[in-house]
Structures are given as structure tokens and as C-alpha cells.
Amino acid sequence: TDRTEVIAAALEGMMQNFDLLDQVEIGETPPTN
């Protein structure tokens, strides 16, 4: 139970980083094929 708060804080930080990545405008980047 005491580790749950630590895990929640770490995951929240990761989710904030994912939100930042979602904001990056990549435009019309062609696939690397």
C-alpha cells in the first residue's frame, strides 16, 4: 500500500511526458520505408 503512492507519482510523471510528445507537430513526415 505504501508503494502505491510512489508508483502513482512515477506513472503520473511518465504520462505527463507522453502528453508533451503528443503535442509535437510532425506535419507531413513520410514513413521511413
PDB file of all heavy atoms in Angstrom:
ATOM      1  N   THR A   1       0.821  -1.214   0.000  1.00  0.00           N
ATOM      2  CA  THR A   1       0.000   0.000   0.000  1.00  0.00           C
ATOM      3  C   THR A   1       0.855   1.263   0.000  1.00  0.00           C
ATOM      4  O   THR A   1       0.526   2.231  -0.688  1.00  0.00           O
ATOM      5  CB  THR A   1      -0.926  -0.009   1.227  1.00  0.00           C
ATOM      6  OG1 THR A   1      -1.651  -1.234   1.241  1.00  0.00           O
ATOM      7  CG2 THR A   1      -1.902   1.145   1.171  1.00  0.00           C
ATOM      8  N   ASP A   2       1.955   1.256   0.753  1.00  0.00           N
ATOM      9  CA  ASP A   2       2.797   2.454   0.789  1.00  0.00           C
ATOM     10  C   ASP A   2       3.538   2.680  -0.532  1.00  0.00           C
ATOM     11  O   ASP A   2       3.876   3.796  -0.873  1.00  0.00           O
ATOM     12  CB  ASP A   2       3.772   2.395   1.959  1.00  0.00           C
ATOM     13  CG  ASP A   2       4.662   1.162   1.940  1.00  0.00           C
ATOM     14  OD1 ASP A   2       4.250   0.158   1.329  1.00  0.00           O
ATOM     15  OD2 ASP A   2       5.756   1.209   2.550  1.00  0.00           O
ATOM     16  N   ARG A   3       3.774   1.634  -1.294  1.00  0.00           N
ATOM     17  CA  ARG A   3       4.439   1.780  -2.592  1.00  0.00           C
ATOM     18  C   ARG A   3       3.482   2.288  -3.669  1.00  0.00           C
ATOM     19  O   ARG A   3       3.919   2.825  -4.686  1.00  0.00           O
ATOM     20  CB  ARG A   3       5.032   0.444  -3.041  1.00  0.00           C
ATOM     21  CG  ARG A   3       6.109  -0.118  -2.157  1.00  0.00           C
ATOM     22  CD  ARG A   3       7.436   0.483  -2.378  1.00  0.00           C
ATOM     23  NE  ARG A   3       7.863   0.264  -3.752  1.00  0.00           N
ATOM     24  CZ  ARG A   3       8.815   0.956  -4.342  1.00  0.00           C
ATOM     25  NH1 ARG A   3       9.426   1.910  -3.704  1.00  0.00           N
ATOM     26  NH2 ARG A   3       9.152   0.706  -5.578  1.00  0.00           N
ATOM     27  N   THR A   4       2.189   2.125  -3.457  1.00  0.00           N
ATOM     28  CA  THR A   4       1.203   2.546  -4.449  1.00  0.00           C
ATOM     29  C   THR A   4       1.296   4.041  -4.720  1.00  0.00           C
ATOM     30  O   THR A   4       1.206   4.479  -5.868  1.00  0.00           O
ATOM     31  CB  THR A   4      -0.216   2.172  -3.978  1.00  0.00           C
ATOM     32  OG1 THR A   4      -0.267   0.769  -3.745  1.00  0.00           O
ATOM     33  CG2 THR A   4      -1.252   2.537  -5.010  1.00  0.00           C
ATOM     34  N   GLU A   5       1.503   4.847  -3.693  1.00  0.00           N
ATOM     35  CA  GLU A   5       1.626   6.297  -3.890  1.00  0.00           C
ATOM     36  C   GLU A   5       2.872   6.645  -4.690  1.00  0.00           C
ATOM     37  O   GLU A   5       2.847   7.532  -5.549  1.00  0.00           O
ATOM     38  CB  GLU A   5       1.646   7.006  -2.544  1.00  0.00           C
ATOM     39  CG  GLU A   5       0.330   6.950  -1.804  1.00  0.00           C
ATOM     40  CD  GLU A   5       0.384   7.676  -0.480  1.00  0.00           C
ATOM     41  OE1 GLU A   5       1.280   8.530  -0.299  1.00  0.00           O
ATOM     42  OE2 GLU A   5      -0.468   7.390   0.362  1.00  0.00           O
ATOM     43  N   VAL A   6       3.970   5.946  -4.421  1.00  0.00           N
ATOM     44  CA  VAL A   6       5.216   6.192  -5.155  1.00  0.00           C
ATOM     45  C   VAL A   6       5.040   5.802  -6.624  1.00  0.00           C
ATOM     46  O   VAL A   6       5.462   6.522  -7.532  1.00  0.00           O
ATOM     47  CB  VAL A   6       6.381   5.401  -4.516  1.00  0.00           C
ATOM     48  CG1 VAL A   6       7.649   5.538  -5.326  1.00  0.00           C
ATOM     49  CG2 VAL A   6       6.599   5.851  -3.084  1.00  0.00           C
ATOM     50  N   ILE A   7       4.387   4.669  -6.844  1.00  0.00           N
ATOM     51  CA  ILE A   7       4.142   4.207  -8.218  1.00  0.00           C
ATOM     52  C   ILE A   7       3.242   5.188  -8.950  1.00  0.00           C
ATOM     53  O   ILE A   7       3.484   5.526 -10.113  1.00  0.00           O
ATOM     54  CB  ILE A   7       3.530   2.792  -8.205  1.00  0.00           C
ATOM     55  CG1 ILE A   7       4.549   1.781  -7.665  1.00  0.00           C
ATOM     56  CG2 ILE A   7       3.059   2.393  -9.587  1.00  0.00           C
ATOM     57  CD1 ILE A   7       3.958   0.424  -7.360  1.00  0.00           C
ATOM     58  N   ALA A   8       2.209   5.672  -8.274  1.00  0.00           N
ATOM     59  CA  ALA A   8       1.289   6.625  -8.896  1.00  0.00           C
ATOM     60  C   ALA A   8       2.019   7.904  -9.308  1.00  0.00           C
ATOM     61  O   ALA A   8       1.794   8.427 -10.398  1.00  0.00           O
ATOM     62  CB  ALA A   8       0.141   6.947  -7.949  1.00  0.00           C
ATOM     63  N   ALA A   9       2.901   8.391  -8.449  1.00  0.00           N
ATOM     64  CA  ALA A   9       3.653   9.608  -8.771  1.00  0.00           C
ATOM     65  C   ALA A   9       4.570   9.382  -9.973  1.00  0.00           C
ATOM     66  O   ALA A   9       4.672  10.239 -10.862  1.00  0.00           O
ATOM     67  CB  ALA A   9       4.456  10.060  -7.559  1.00  0.00           C
ATOM     68  N   ALA A  10       5.236   8.231 -10.014  1.00  0.00           N
ATOM     69  CA  ALA A  10       6.139   7.933 -11.133  1.00  0.00           C
ATOM     70  C   ALA A  10       5.357   7.804 -12.436  1.00  0.00           C
ATOM     71  O   ALA A  10       5.765   8.340 -13.473  1.00  0.00           O
ATOM     72  CB  ALA A  10       6.917   6.657 -10.848  1.00  0.00           C
ATOM     73  N   LEU A  11       4.232   7.103 -12.393  1.00  0.00           N
ATOM     74  CA  LEU A  11       3.425   6.950 -13.599  1.00  0.00           C
ATOM     75  C   LEU A  11       2.835   8.275 -14.062  1.00  0.00           C
ATOM     76  O   LEU A  11       2.718   8.526 -15.264  1.00  0.00           O
ATOM     77  CB  LEU A  11       2.304   5.934 -13.361  1.00  0.00           C
ATOM     78  CG  LEU A  11       2.728   4.475 -13.355  1.00  0.00           C
ATOM     79  CD1 LEU A  11       1.555   3.584 -12.978  1.00  0.00           C
ATOM     80  CD2 LEU A  11       3.273   4.071 -14.703  1.00  0.00           C
ATOM     81  N   GLU A  12       2.477   9.120 -13.113  1.00  0.00           N
ATOM     82  CA  GLU A  12       1.941  10.432 -13.476  1.00  0.00           C
ATOM     83  C   GLU A  12       2.988  11.254 -14.227  1.00  0.00           C
ATOM     84  O   GLU A  12       2.681  11.913 -15.225  1.00  0.00           O
ATOM     85  CB  GLU A  12       1.485  11.169 -12.216  1.00  0.00           C
ATOM     86  CG  GLU A  12       0.697  12.421 -12.489  1.00  0.00           C
ATOM     87  CD  GLU A  12      -0.626  12.141 -13.187  1.00  0.00           C
ATOM     88  OE1 GLU A  12      -1.267  11.121 -12.896  1.00  0.00           O
ATOM     89  OE2 GLU A  12      -1.006  12.958 -14.046  1.00  0.00           O
ATOM     90  N   GLY A  13       4.241  11.169 -13.776  1.00  0.00           N
ATOM     91  CA  GLY A  13       5.324  11.859 -14.478  1.00  0.00           C
ATOM     92  C   GLY A  13       5.525  11.322 -15.880  1.00  0.00           C
ATOM     93  O   GLY A  13       5.740  12.077 -16.827  1.00  0.00           O
ATOM     94  N   MET A  14       5.432  10.005 -16.029  1.00  0.00           N
ATOM     95  CA  MET A  14       5.562   9.403 -17.352  1.00  0.00           C
ATOM     96  C   MET A  14       4.428   9.842 -18.263  1.00  0.00           C
ATOM     97  O   MET A  14       4.643  10.151 -19.440  1.00  0.00           O
ATOM     98  CB  MET A  14       5.590   7.879 -17.236  1.00  0.00           C
ATOM     99  CG  MET A  14       6.856   7.341 -16.618  1.00  0.00           C
ATOM    100  SD  MET A  14       6.823   5.565 -16.289  1.00  0.00           S
ATOM    101  CE  MET A  14       6.340   4.875 -17.830  1.00  0.00           C
ATOM    102  N   MET A  15       3.218   9.882 -17.730  1.00  0.00           N
ATOM    103  CA  MET A  15       2.071  10.289 -18.537  1.00  0.00           C
ATOM    104  C   MET A  15       2.199  11.752 -18.977  1.00  0.00           C
ATOM    105  O   MET A  15       1.805  12.103 -20.087  1.00  0.00           O
ATOM    106  CB  MET A  15       0.772  10.078 -17.766  1.00  0.00           C
ATOM    107  CG  MET A  15       0.508   8.612 -17.408  1.00  0.00           C
ATOM    108  SD  MET A  15       0.542   7.495 -18.798  1.00  0.00           S
ATOM    109  CE  MET A  15      -0.985   7.900 -19.579  1.00  0.00           C
ATOM    110  N   GLN A  16       2.761  12.592 -18.117  1.00  0.00           N
ATOM    111  CA  GLN A  16       2.985  13.988 -18.499  1.00  0.00           C
ATOM    112  C   GLN A  16       3.990  14.083 -19.651  1.00  0.00           C
ATOM    113  O   GLN A  16       3.828  14.906 -20.555  1.00  0.00           O
ATOM    114  CB  GLN A  16       3.468  14.795 -17.298  1.00  0.00           C
ATOM    115  CG  GLN A  16       2.393  15.028 -16.269  1.00  0.00           C
ATOM    116  CD  GLN A  16       2.922  15.710 -15.022  1.00  0.00           C
ATOM    117  OE1 GLN A  16       4.117  15.970 -14.894  1.00  0.00           O
ATOM    118  NE2 GLN A  16       2.022  15.998 -14.086  1.00  0.00           N
ATOM    119  N   ASN A  17       5.008  13.231 -19.621  1.00  0.00           N
ATOM    120  CA  ASN A  17       5.970  13.210 -20.728  1.00  0.00           C
ATOM    121  C   ASN A  17       5.308  12.751 -22.020  1.00  0.00           C
ATOM    122  O   ASN A  17       5.600  13.276 -23.100  1.00  0.00           O
ATOM    123  CB  ASN A  17       7.159  12.319 -20.390  1.00  0.00           C
ATOM    124  CG  ASN A  17       8.085  12.950 -19.375  1.00  0.00           C
ATOM    125  OD1 ASN A  17       8.156  14.166 -19.263  1.00  0.00           O
ATOM    126  ND2 ASN A  17       8.787  12.124 -18.635  1.00  0.00           N
ATOM    127  N   PHE A  18       4.423  11.760 -21.943  1.00  0.00           N
ATOM    128  CA  PHE A  18       3.695  11.320 -23.130  1.00  0.00           C
ATOM    129  C   PHE A  18       2.816  12.443 -23.673  1.00  0.00           C
ATOM    130  O   PHE A  18       2.692  12.620 -24.886  1.00  0.00           O
ATOM    131  CB  PHE A  18       2.836  10.092 -22.835  1.00  0.00           C
ATOM    132  CG  PHE A  18       3.633   8.840 -22.584  1.00  0.00           C
ATOM    133  CD1 PHE A  18       3.211   7.922 -21.638  1.00  0.00           C
ATOM    134  CD2 PHE A  18       4.789   8.569 -23.285  1.00  0.00           C
ATOM    135  CE1 PHE A  18       3.927   6.762 -21.407  1.00  0.00           C
ATOM    136  CE2 PHE A  18       5.516   7.413 -23.059  1.00  0.00           C
ATOM    137  CZ  PHE A  18       5.086   6.509 -22.124  1.00  0.00           C
ATOM    138  N   ASP A  19       2.204  13.214 -22.780  1.00  0.00           N
ATOM    139  CA  ASP A  19       1.389  14.346 -23.218  1.00  0.00           C
ATOM    140  C   ASP A  19       2.234  15.366 -23.968  1.00  0.00           C
ATOM    141  O   ASP A  19       1.789  15.945 -24.968  1.00  0.00           O
ATOM    142  CB  ASP A  19       0.696  15.012 -22.029  1.00  0.00           C
ATOM    143  CG  ASP A  19      -0.420  14.161 -21.437  1.00  0.00           C
ATOM    144  OD1 ASP A  19      -0.924  13.257 -22.148  1.00  0.00           O
ATOM    145  OD2 ASP A  19      -0.778  14.390 -20.272  1.00  0.00           O
ATOM    146  N   LEU A  20       3.464  15.601 -23.497  1.00  0.00           N
ATOM    147  CA  LEU A  20       4.366  16.525 -24.193  1.00  0.00           C
ATOM    148  C   LEU A  20       4.708  16.007 -25.583  1.00  0.00           C
ATOM    149  O   LEU A  20       4.761  16.775 -26.558  1.00  0.00           O
ATOM    150  CB  LEU A  20       5.640  16.740 -23.380  1.00  0.00           C
ATOM    151  CG  LEU A  20       5.505  17.581 -22.116  1.00  0.00           C
ATOM    152  CD1 LEU A  20       6.819  17.574 -21.335  1.00  0.00           C
ATOM    153  CD2 LEU A  20       5.096  19.000 -22.460  1.00  0.00           C
ATOM    154  N   LEU A  21       4.944  14.709 -25.700  1.00  0.00           N
ATOM    155  CA  LEU A  21       5.259  14.137 -27.004  1.00  0.00           C
ATOM    156  C   LEU A  21       4.073  14.236 -27.953  1.00  0.00           C
ATOM    157  O   LEU A  21       4.251  14.429 -29.160  1.00  0.00           O
ATOM    158  CB  LEU A  21       5.682  12.680 -26.854  1.00  0.00           C
ATOM    159  CG  LEU A  21       7.057  12.453 -26.231  1.00  0.00           C
ATOM    160  CD1 LEU A  21       7.290  10.961 -26.006  1.00  0.00           C
ATOM    161  CD2 LEU A  21       8.144  13.035 -27.108  1.00  0.00           C
ATOM    162  N   ASP A  22       2.866  14.104 -27.424  1.00  0.00           N
ATOM    163  CA  ASP A  22       1.676  14.217 -28.265  1.00  0.00           C
ATOM    164  C   ASP A  22       1.518  15.617 -28.842  1.00  0.00           C
ATOM    165  O   ASP A  22       0.870  15.796 -29.871  1.00  0.00           O
ATOM    166  CB  ASP A  22       0.418  13.852 -27.476  1.00  0.00           C
ATOM    167  CG  ASP A  22       0.271  12.360 -27.267  1.00  0.00           C
ATOM    168  OD1 ASP A  22       0.881  11.581 -28.042  1.00  0.00           O
ATOM    169  OD2 ASP A  22      -0.449  11.967 -26.331  1.00  0.00           O
ATOM    170  N   GLN A  23       2.117  16.616 -28.211  1.00  0.00           N
ATOM    171  CA  GLN A  23       1.988  17.997 -28.663  1.00  0.00           C
ATOM    172  C   GLN A  23       2.967  18.353 -29.789  1.00  0.00           C
ATOM    173  O   GLN A  23       2.838  19.393 -30.409  1.00  0.00           O
ATOM    174  CB  GLN A  23       2.201  18.957 -27.492  1.00  0.00           C
ATOM    175  CG  GLN A  23       1.137  18.841 -26.438  1.00  0.00           C
ATOM    176  CD  GLN A  23       1.446  19.677 -25.214  1.00  0.00           C
ATOM    177  OE1 GLN A  23       2.396  20.456 -25.198  1.00  0.00           O
ATOM    178  NE2 GLN A  23       0.644  19.525 -24.185  1.00  0.00           N
ATOM    179  N   VAL A  24       3.935  17.478 -30.064  1.00  0.00           N
ATOM    180  CA  VAL A  24       4.926  17.750 -31.095  1.00  0.00           C
ATOM    181  C   VAL A  24       4.255  17.643 -32.462  1.00  0.00           C
ATOM    182  O   VAL A  24       3.648  16.635 -32.799  1.00  0.00           O
ATOM    183  CB  VAL A  24       6.113  16.763 -30.998  1.00  0.00           C
ATOM    184  CG1 VAL A  24       7.062  16.954 -32.170  1.00  0.00           C
ATOM    185  CG2 VAL A  24       6.837  16.938 -29.678  1.00  0.00           C
ATOM    186  N   GLU A  25       4.381  18.706 -33.232  1.00  0.00           N
ATOM    187  CA  GLU A  25       3.792  18.741 -34.574  1.00  0.00           C
ATOM    188  C   GLU A  25       4.784  18.124 -35.554  1.00  0.00           C
ATOM    189  O   GLU A  25       5.877  18.644 -35.757  1.00  0.00           O
ATOM    190  CB  GLU A  25       3.486  20.184 -34.969  1.00  0.00           C
ATOM    191  CG  GLU A  25       2.776  20.312 -36.283  1.00  0.00           C
ATOM    192  CD  GLU A  25       1.399  19.672 -36.276  1.00  0.00           C
ATOM    193  OE1 GLU A  25       0.681  19.797 -35.262  1.00  0.00           O
ATOM    194  OE2 GLU A  25       1.054  19.031 -37.275  1.00  0.00           O
ATOM    195  N   ILE A  26       4.412  17.019 -36.140  1.00  0.00           N
ATOM    196  CA  ILE A  26       5.329  16.351 -37.065  1.00  0.00           C
ATOM    197  C   ILE A  26       4.986  16.638 -38.519  1.00  0.00           C
ATOM    198  O   ILE A  26       5.764  16.338 -39.405  1.00  0.00           O
ATOM    199  CB  ILE A  26       5.374  14.833 -36.827  1.00  0.00           C
ATOM    200  CG1 ILE A  26       3.998  14.212 -36.969  1.00  0.00           C
ATOM    201  CG2 ILE A  26       5.964  14.526 -35.468  1.00  0.00           C
ATOM    202  CD1 ILE A  26       4.002  12.710 -36.916  1.00  0.00           C
ATOM    203  N   GLY A  27       3.829  17.207 -38.762  1.00  0.00           N
ATOM    204  CA  GLY A  27       3.466  17.601 -40.114  1.00  0.00           C
ATOM    205  C   GLY A  27       3.338  16.421 -41.055  1.00  0.00           C
ATOM    206  O   GLY A  27       2.855  15.363 -40.698  1.00  0.00           O
ATOM    207  N   GLU A  28       3.800  16.617 -42.258  1.00  0.00           N
ATOM    208  CA  GLU A  28       3.683  15.597 -43.302  1.00  0.00           C
ATOM    209  C   GLU A  28       4.963  14.786 -43.409  1.00  0.00           C
ATOM    210  O   GLU A  28       5.585  14.714 -44.463  1.00  0.00           O
ATOM    211  CB  GLU A  28       3.362  16.281 -44.638  1.00  0.00           C
ATOM    212  CG  GLU A  28       2.029  16.971 -44.658  1.00  0.00           C
ATOM    213  CD  GLU A  28       0.870  15.974 -44.523  1.00  0.00           C
ATOM    214  OE1 GLU A  28       0.959  14.869 -45.084  1.00  0.00           O
ATOM    215  OE2 GLU A  28      -0.103  16.319 -43.845  1.00  0.00           O
ATOM    216  N   THR A  29       5.368  14.174 -42.341  1.00  0.00           N
ATOM    217  CA  THR A  29       6.577  13.363 -42.346  1.00  0.00           C
ATOM    218  C   THR A  29       6.301  12.035 -43.043  1.00  0.00           C
ATOM    219  O   THR A  29       5.432  11.284 -42.625  1.00  0.00           O
ATOM    220  CB  THR A  29       7.047  13.101 -40.901  1.00  0.00           C
ATOM    221  OG1 THR A  29       7.212  14.342 -40.233  1.00  0.00           O
ATOM    222  CG2 THR A  29       8.352  12.336 -40.884  1.00  0.00           C
ATOM    223  N   PRO A  30       7.038  11.742 -44.111  1.00  0.00           N
ATOM    224  CA  PRO A  30       6.800  10.469 -44.802  1.00  0.00           C
ATOM    225  C   PRO A  30       7.338   9.292 -43.980  1.00  0.00           C
ATOM    226  O   PRO A  30       8.270   9.457 -43.190  1.00  0.00           O
ATOM    227  CB  PRO A  30       7.596  10.622 -46.103  1.00  0.00           C
ATOM    228  CG  PRO A  30       8.636  11.624 -45.795  1.00  0.00           C
ATOM    229  CD  PRO A  30       8.055  12.546 -44.751  1.00  0.00           C
ATOM    230  N   PRO A  31       6.772   8.119 -44.156  1.00  0.00           N
ATOM    231  CA  PRO A  31       7.274   6.955 -43.425  1.00  0.00           C
ATOM    232  C   PRO A  31       8.680   6.586 -43.891  1.00  0.00           C
ATOM    233  O   PRO A  31       9.060   6.847 -45.031  1.00  0.00           O
ATOM    234  CB  PRO A  31       6.278   5.854 -43.772  1.00  0.00           C
ATOM    235  CG  PRO A  31       5.590   6.309 -45.002  1.00  0.00           C
ATOM    236  CD  PRO A  31       5.643   7.812 -45.007  1.00  0.00           C
ATOM    237  N   THR A  32       9.445   5.988 -43.010  1.00  0.00           N
ATOM    238  CA  THR A  32      10.807   5.589 -43.355  1.00  0.00           C
ATOM    239  C   THR A  32      10.791   4.165 -43.880  1.00  0.00           C
ATOM    240  O   THR A  32      11.028   3.204 -43.171  1.00  0.00           O
ATOM    241  CB  THR A  32      11.737   5.676 -42.135  1.00  0.00           C
ATOM    242  OG1 THR A  32      11.184   4.841 -41.115  1.00  0.00           O
ATOM    243  CG2 THR A  32      11.864   7.084 -41.627  1.00  0.00           C
ATOM    244  N   ASN A  33      10.487   4.033 -45.150  1.00  0.00           N
ATOM    245  CA  ASN A  33      10.408   2.710 -45.749  1.00  0.00           C
ATOM    246  C   ASN A  33      11.488   2.486 -46.804  1.00  0.00           C
ATOM    247  O   ASN A  33      11.357   1.630 -47.658  1.00  0.00           O
ATOM    248  CB  ASN A  33       9.027   2.476 -46.351  1.00  0.00           C
ATOM    249  CG  ASN A  33       8.671   3.519 -47.378  1.00  0.00           C
ATOM    250  OD1 ASN A  33       9.450   4.410 -47.664  1.00  0.00           O
ATOM    251  ND2 ASN A  33       7.485   3.413 -47.937  1.00  0.00           N
TER     252      ASN A  33
END
